[in-house]
Amino acid sequence: MAHHTEEIVSPAEFEKRLKGISTYQGTPYSRVHSLFEAEMEHSQQVMNLHGYLALSDAFKCVFLETIELLNTACWSKLTSPLSENYAIFIPRLSHSFLSLCGAERAAILGYPLLAYTSLRNIFDNVVLTSAAVQKFTDFYAIEGIDPKQPIDPKKILRVRKNTEFGVREIMTGKRSGLSNVCIDELAKWDALFDYETHGARLSLISTKDWMTGKAPLPALPRYRKQEFALFVNRYCEVEWMVTRLLPLVQLPGIPLPAEWIEKWDVLDDSFYLTVNSLTEEGGKQIGAAIVEFVRTKFPFSGKSLFPL
């Protein structure tokens, strides 16, 4: 039977016991060093993907510059109280950015499919945000609440589900106005999300050789081109969606500088070229479908202003 102590253990003793069970060949925690080394090796492989890294880093730079301008030049020109919708929109946008950064860190260090599943939530939140901005729904309905009614947890859940279902129909479903080819491609694209998010079915493929007795069980990150490509393709898609929402930080009478709009135009066009290359160079219809979806359901330009 396992021994469980009920005595109070000092911090030093607590650490000493753990170090004792983790020492190998005289080095404390030596086995975990192999994990860190595998992560670093994976990240070095990713460093060779110059086009992806250039686009991702340019996105981050433009986003951070936007927030910097918002916190300095724009705030100083504000003469009236912010609308509650704007006060909700900005944190949602910022959270999407930080979530994308976190997902990418995980992917670079060797966990692209784990990062891929996190894109599921970011994608949904960005779609809901765009729908609210376009008045297909509103920010309160997204949260399942009515500010004029008492909080009812059961009702909140029901309203949120109904809102998400309705928005999905308008943004990517039968009521979207998108072409049938686009709708079908997006549905198949979305199904891959579910395969991994519910049951890690894509991840389990990497263990097929162990299951058939052909190889040891993999326990360390290892660069697999197909897995990382799956993450990158969806990552660029969601980054583009966030980029399309970014100009909406501009309020009437308080536009961002013309130089910023020029940078945004270059970034937007770069995402188009990257996503469309899935069709033009890879022969996959999903590239053209994403282009149709993003341009139709995120119909904003560098000069767009927050509409609510």
Protein backbone atom coordinates (compact mmCIF):
# COMPACT_ATOMS: atom_id res chain seq x y z
CA MET A 1 0.00 0.00 0.00
CA ALA A 2 1.12 3.55 -0.68
CA HIS A 3 2.25 5.47 2.36
CA HIS A 4 0.57 8.82 2.96
CA THR A 5 1.99 11.10 5.63
CA GLU A 6 -0.28 13.33 7.64
CA GLU A 7 2.64 15.19 9.18
CA ILE A 8 3.35 18.78 8.29
CA VAL A 9 6.20 18.85 5.77
CA SER A 10 8.47 21.88 5.51
CA PRO A 11 9.04 23.44 2.07
CA ALA A 12 12.64 22.20 2.11
CA GLU A 13 11.61 18.64 2.97
CA PHE A 14 8.82 18.76 0.38
CA GLU A 15 11.33 19.64 -2.34
CA LYS A 16 13.91 17.13 -1.08
CA ARG A 17 11.46 14.21 -1.34
CA LEU A 18 10.49 15.14 -4.90
CA LYS A 19 14.11 15.56 -5.92
CA GLY A 20 14.83 12.12 -4.49
CA ILE A 21 12.31 10.37 -6.72
CA SER A 22 13.38 12.37 -9.77
CA THR A 23 17.16 11.90 -9.69
CA TYR A 24 18.70 9.77 -12.44
CA GLN A 25 22.39 9.00 -12.80
CA GLY A 26 23.18 11.51 -10.09
CA THR A 27 21.37 14.44 -11.73
CA PRO A 28 18.12 15.77 -10.21
CA TYR A 29 15.24 15.94 -12.69
CA SER A 30 17.58 14.76 -15.49
CA ARG A 31 14.85 13.02 -17.48
CA VAL A 32 12.86 16.22 -17.84
CA HIS A 33 15.90 17.78 -19.50
CA SER A 34 15.25 15.50 -22.46
CA LEU A 35 11.81 17.08 -22.72
CA PHE A 36 13.27 20.58 -22.78
CA GLU A 37 15.85 19.52 -25.36
CA ALA A 38 13.11 18.05 -27.59
CA GLU A 39 11.15 21.28 -27.31
CA MET A 40 14.18 23.33 -28.31
CA GLU A 41 14.89 21.01 -31.24
CA HIS A 42 11.28 21.38 -32.39
CA SER A 43 11.47 25.16 -32.16
CA GLN A 44 14.64 25.14 -34.28
CA GLN A 45 12.77 23.23 -36.98
CA VAL A 46 10.03 25.86 -36.93
CA MET A 47 12.59 28.64 -37.31
CA ASN A 48 13.12 27.42 -40.87
CA LEU A 49 9.55 28.39 -41.80
CA HIS A 50 10.45 31.96 -42.68
CA GLY A 51 7.27 32.95 -44.52
CA TYR A 52 4.96 31.83 -41.71
CA LEU A 53 7.10 33.50 -39.05
CA ALA A 54 7.32 36.77 -41.01
CA LEU A 55 3.53 36.95 -41.35
CA SER A 56 2.86 35.99 -37.75
CA ASP A 57 5.37 38.47 -36.35
CA ALA A 58 4.13 41.26 -38.64
CA PHE A 59 0.62 40.61 -37.34
CA LYS A 60 1.84 40.95 -33.77
CA CYS A 61 3.71 44.15 -34.55
CA VAL A 62 0.68 45.80 -36.16
CA PHE A 63 -1.59 44.71 -33.33
CA LEU A 64 0.78 46.00 -30.63
CA GLU A 65 1.26 49.29 -32.50
CA THR A 66 -2.52 49.65 -32.70
CA ILE A 67 -2.94 49.25 -28.96
CA GLU A 68 -0.07 51.67 -28.37
CA LEU A 69 -1.77 54.28 -30.55
CA LEU A 70 -5.08 53.58 -28.85
CA ASN A 71 -3.58 54.12 -25.39
CA THR A 72 -1.81 57.34 -26.35
CA ALA A 73 -2.91 59.39 -29.36
CA CYS A 74 -6.52 58.18 -29.49
CA TRP A 75 -7.36 58.42 -25.79
CA SER A 76 -6.14 62.02 -25.65
CA LYS A 77 -8.71 62.98 -28.32
CA LEU A 78 -11.65 61.30 -26.59
CA THR A 79 -14.25 63.92 -25.60
CA SER A 80 -17.27 61.76 -24.72
CA PRO A 81 -17.80 58.57 -22.69
CA LEU A 82 -17.13 55.28 -24.47
CA SER A 83 -20.12 53.19 -25.47
CA GLU A 84 -20.59 50.03 -23.45
CA ASN A 85 -20.35 48.01 -26.68
CA TYR A 86 -16.92 49.46 -27.42
CA ALA A 87 -15.83 48.75 -23.85
CA ILE A 88 -16.80 45.10 -24.41
CA PHE A 89 -15.35 44.85 -27.92
CA ILE A 90 -11.81 45.98 -27.10
CA PRO A 91 -11.13 43.40 -24.33
CA ARG A 92 -12.55 40.63 -26.54
CA LEU A 93 -10.16 41.66 -29.30
CA SER A 94 -7.21 41.87 -26.91
CA HIS A 95 -8.00 38.46 -25.42
CA SER A 96 -8.08 36.92 -28.90
CA PHE A 97 -4.63 38.36 -29.60
CA LEU A 98 -3.12 37.06 -26.36
CA SER A 99 -4.75 33.66 -26.90
CA LEU A 100 -3.22 33.45 -30.37
CA CYS A 101 0.20 34.29 -28.95
CA GLY A 102 -0.18 31.58 -26.30
CA ALA A 103 -1.30 29.00 -28.84
CA GLU A 104 1.67 29.76 -31.06
CA ARG A 105 4.12 29.37 -28.17
CA ALA A 106 2.75 25.89 -27.51
CA ALA A 107 2.94 24.98 -31.20
CA ILE A 108 6.52 26.19 -31.62
CA LEU A 109 7.71 24.20 -28.60
CA GLY A 110 6.30 20.99 -30.01
CA TYR A 111 2.61 20.82 -29.21
CA PRO A 112 0.92 21.98 -32.45
CA LEU A 113 -2.22 19.90 -32.07
CA LEU A 114 -2.72 21.09 -28.50
CA ALA A 115 -2.38 24.63 -29.87
CA TYR A 116 -4.73 23.70 -32.70
CA THR A 117 -7.51 22.81 -30.23
CA SER A 118 -7.14 26.18 -28.51
CA LEU A 119 -7.80 27.85 -31.86
CA ARG A 120 -11.30 26.37 -31.72
CA ASN A 121 -12.30 28.71 -28.89
CA ILE A 122 -10.54 31.72 -30.41
CA PHE A 123 -12.23 31.13 -33.76
CA ASP A 124 -15.68 30.93 -32.16
CA ASN A 125 -15.13 34.07 -30.09
CA VAL A 126 -13.92 36.07 -33.09
CA VAL A 127 -16.88 34.94 -35.20
CA LEU A 128 -19.29 35.95 -32.43
CA THR A 129 -17.56 39.32 -32.08
CA SER A 130 -17.87 40.04 -35.80
CA ALA A 131 -21.54 39.03 -35.71
CA ALA A 132 -22.21 41.38 -32.79
CA VAL A 133 -20.45 44.29 -34.48
CA GLN A 134 -22.60 43.74 -37.58
CA LYS A 135 -25.76 43.54 -35.43
CA PHE A 136 -26.52 39.92 -36.29
CA THR A 137 -26.59 39.53 -32.52
CA ASP A 138 -25.34 41.63 -29.60
CA PHE A 139 -22.65 41.33 -26.97
CA TYR A 140 -25.14 40.64 -24.18
CA ALA A 141 -26.76 37.77 -26.09
CA ILE A 142 -23.30 36.27 -26.65
CA GLU A 143 -22.91 36.11 -22.87
CA GLY A 144 -26.47 34.86 -22.46
CA ILE A 145 -27.61 37.76 -20.31
CA ASP A 146 -30.22 40.48 -20.42
CA PRO A 147 -29.00 43.55 -18.49
CA LYS A 148 -32.60 44.39 -17.63
CA GLN A 149 -33.35 40.96 -16.13
CA PRO A 150 -32.07 39.13 -13.00
CA ILE A 151 -29.23 36.66 -13.50
CA ASP A 152 -30.54 33.13 -14.17
CA PRO A 153 -27.68 30.60 -14.70
CA LYS A 154 -29.90 28.10 -16.51
CA LYS A 155 -31.28 30.76 -18.82
CA ILE A 156 -27.78 32.11 -19.49
CA LEU A 157 -26.63 28.74 -20.77
CA ARG A 158 -29.71 28.33 -22.95
CA VAL A 159 -29.45 31.81 -24.44
CA ARG A 160 -25.73 31.39 -25.14
CA LYS A 161 -26.29 28.11 -26.98
CA ASN A 162 -29.16 29.53 -28.99
CA THR A 163 -27.11 32.61 -29.86
CA GLU A 164 -24.12 30.56 -30.96
CA PHE A 165 -26.31 28.32 -33.11
CA GLY A 166 -28.02 31.30 -34.74
CA VAL A 167 -24.73 33.08 -35.39
CA ARG A 168 -23.22 29.93 -36.90
CA GLU A 169 -26.12 29.72 -39.35
CA ILE A 170 -25.61 33.35 -40.38
CA MET A 171 -21.82 33.31 -40.53
CA THR A 172 -20.98 29.90 -42.00
CA GLY A 173 -24.27 28.02 -42.43
CA LYS A 174 -27.33 27.89 -44.66
CA ARG A 175 -28.32 31.50 -43.94
CA SER A 176 -24.84 32.88 -44.58
CA GLY A 177 -25.25 33.73 -48.26
CA LEU A 178 -21.90 32.04 -48.92
CA SER A 179 -21.55 29.75 -51.93
CA ASN A 180 -22.46 26.10 -51.45
CA VAL A 181 -18.86 25.09 -52.14
CA CYS A 182 -17.66 27.48 -49.45
CA ILE A 183 -20.18 26.20 -46.89
CA ASP A 184 -19.24 22.58 -47.58
CA GLU A 185 -15.52 23.26 -47.36
CA LEU A 186 -15.88 25.19 -44.11
CA ALA A 187 -17.97 22.36 -42.64
CA LYS A 188 -15.24 19.82 -43.44
CA TRP A 189 -12.58 22.23 -42.11
CA ASP A 190 -14.59 22.62 -38.92
CA ALA A 191 -15.00 18.86 -38.52
CA LEU A 192 -11.21 18.54 -38.15
CA PHE A 193 -11.44 20.86 -35.16
CA ASP A 194 -13.94 18.51 -33.55
CA TYR A 195 -11.89 15.39 -34.33
CA GLU A 196 -9.02 16.76 -32.26
CA THR A 197 -10.91 18.79 -29.66
CA HIS A 198 -13.18 15.88 -28.72
CA GLY A 199 -11.08 12.78 -28.28
CA ALA A 200 -7.68 13.89 -29.63
CA ARG A 201 -8.27 11.71 -32.69
CA LEU A 202 -5.63 13.47 -34.80
CA SER A 203 -3.05 13.20 -32.01
CA LEU A 204 -3.63 9.48 -31.62
CA ILE A 205 -2.53 8.94 -35.22
CA SER A 206 1.06 9.58 -34.09
CA THR A 207 0.89 6.44 -31.91
CA LYS A 208 -0.20 4.08 -34.71
CA ASP A 209 3.28 2.54 -35.04
CA TRP A 210 3.36 1.78 -31.32
CA MET A 211 -0.13 0.29 -31.47
CA THR A 212 1.04 -2.12 -34.17
CA GLY A 213 4.28 -2.96 -32.39
CA LYS A 214 6.52 -1.20 -34.91
CA ALA A 215 7.99 1.53 -32.69
CA PRO A 216 8.37 2.70 -29.07
CA LEU A 217 5.61 4.83 -27.59
CA PRO A 218 6.40 8.50 -28.40
CA ALA A 219 6.62 10.60 -25.24
CA LEU A 220 8.63 13.61 -26.41
CA PRO A 221 7.74 16.37 -28.89
CA ARG A 222 8.92 15.61 -32.41
CA TYR A 223 8.51 17.83 -35.44
CA ARG A 224 5.89 16.47 -37.79
CA LYS A 225 5.37 18.60 -40.86
CA GLN A 226 1.73 17.66 -41.38
CA GLU A 227 0.71 18.36 -37.78
CA PHE A 228 2.42 21.74 -37.75
CA ALA A 229 0.93 22.65 -41.13
CA LEU A 230 -2.53 21.87 -39.79
CA PHE A 231 -1.95 24.33 -36.96
CA VAL A 232 -0.39 27.01 -39.19
CA ASN A 233 -3.23 26.98 -41.71
CA ARG A 234 -5.90 27.57 -39.07
CA TYR A 235 -3.68 29.93 -37.14
CA CYS A 236 -3.25 32.19 -40.17
CA GLU A 237 -6.99 32.03 -40.81
CA VAL A 238 -7.86 33.20 -37.29
CA GLU A 239 -5.08 35.82 -37.33
CA TRP A 240 -6.61 37.20 -40.52
CA MET A 241 -10.04 37.33 -38.87
CA VAL A 242 -8.60 39.30 -35.94
CA THR A 243 -6.74 41.57 -38.38
CA ARG A 244 -10.03 42.33 -40.11
CA LEU A 245 -11.57 43.40 -36.78
CA LEU A 246 -8.58 45.53 -35.78
CA PRO A 247 -9.57 48.74 -37.62
CA LEU A 248 -12.75 48.86 -35.53
CA VAL A 249 -10.72 50.26 -32.64
CA GLN A 250 -11.16 53.55 -34.53
CA LEU A 251 -13.95 55.76 -33.25
CA PRO A 252 -15.80 58.40 -35.30
CA GLY A 253 -13.61 61.50 -35.43
CA ILE A 254 -10.60 59.65 -34.02
CA PRO A 255 -9.03 57.72 -36.90
CA LEU A 256 -5.62 56.11 -36.77
CA PRO A 257 -2.80 57.71 -38.85
CA ALA A 258 -2.73 57.16 -42.61
CA GLU A 259 0.59 55.33 -42.17
CA TRP A 260 -1.18 52.77 -39.95
CA ILE A 261 -3.84 52.17 -42.62
CA GLU A 262 -1.11 51.51 -45.19
CA LYS A 263 0.49 48.94 -42.87
CA TRP A 264 -2.89 47.30 -42.28
CA ASP A 265 -3.47 47.06 -46.05
CA VAL A 266 -0.14 45.26 -46.53
CA LEU A 267 -0.93 42.86 -43.68
CA ASP A 268 -4.44 42.15 -44.96
CA ASP A 269 -3.13 41.48 -48.47
CA SER A 270 -0.40 39.21 -47.09
CA PHE A 271 -2.99 37.07 -45.30
CA TYR A 272 -5.00 36.86 -48.51
CA LEU A 273 -1.96 35.67 -50.48
CA THR A 274 -1.06 33.12 -47.81
CA VAL A 275 -4.54 31.66 -47.40
CA ASN A 276 -5.33 31.69 -51.11
CA SER A 277 -2.09 29.81 -51.82
CA LEU A 278 -3.76 26.71 -50.36
CA THR A 279 -5.88 26.75 -53.52
CA GLU A 280 -3.58 28.42 -56.06
CA GLU A 281 -0.49 26.38 -55.18
CA GLY A 282 -1.84 23.46 -53.15
CA GLY A 283 -4.97 22.74 -55.17
CA LYS A 284 -7.13 22.65 -52.04
CA GLN A 285 -10.53 24.33 -52.21
CA ILE A 286 -10.42 25.33 -48.56
CA GLY A 287 -8.11 28.25 -49.36
CA ALA A 288 -10.61 29.94 -51.65
CA ALA A 289 -13.40 29.09 -49.18
CA ILE A 290 -11.60 30.84 -46.32
CA VAL A 291 -11.00 33.88 -48.54
CA GLU A 292 -14.72 34.05 -49.37
CA PHE A 293 -15.68 33.57 -45.72
CA VAL A 294 -13.29 36.17 -44.28
CA ARG A 295 -13.95 38.84 -46.89
CA THR A 296 -17.72 38.37 -46.66
CA LYS A 297 -18.20 37.92 -42.93
CA PHE A 298 -15.45 40.30 -41.82
CA PRO A 299 -16.22 43.07 -44.34
CA PHE A 300 -13.94 45.71 -42.83
CA SER A 301 -11.12 47.82 -44.23
CA GLY A 302 -8.34 49.90 -42.73
CA LYS A 303 -10.70 52.89 -42.68
CA SER A 304 -13.57 51.13 -40.89
CA LEU A 305 -14.88 52.70 -37.68
CA PHE A 306 -16.58 51.08 -34.71
CA PRO A 307 -20.26 51.09 -35.70
CA LEU A 308 -22.14 50.61 -32.42
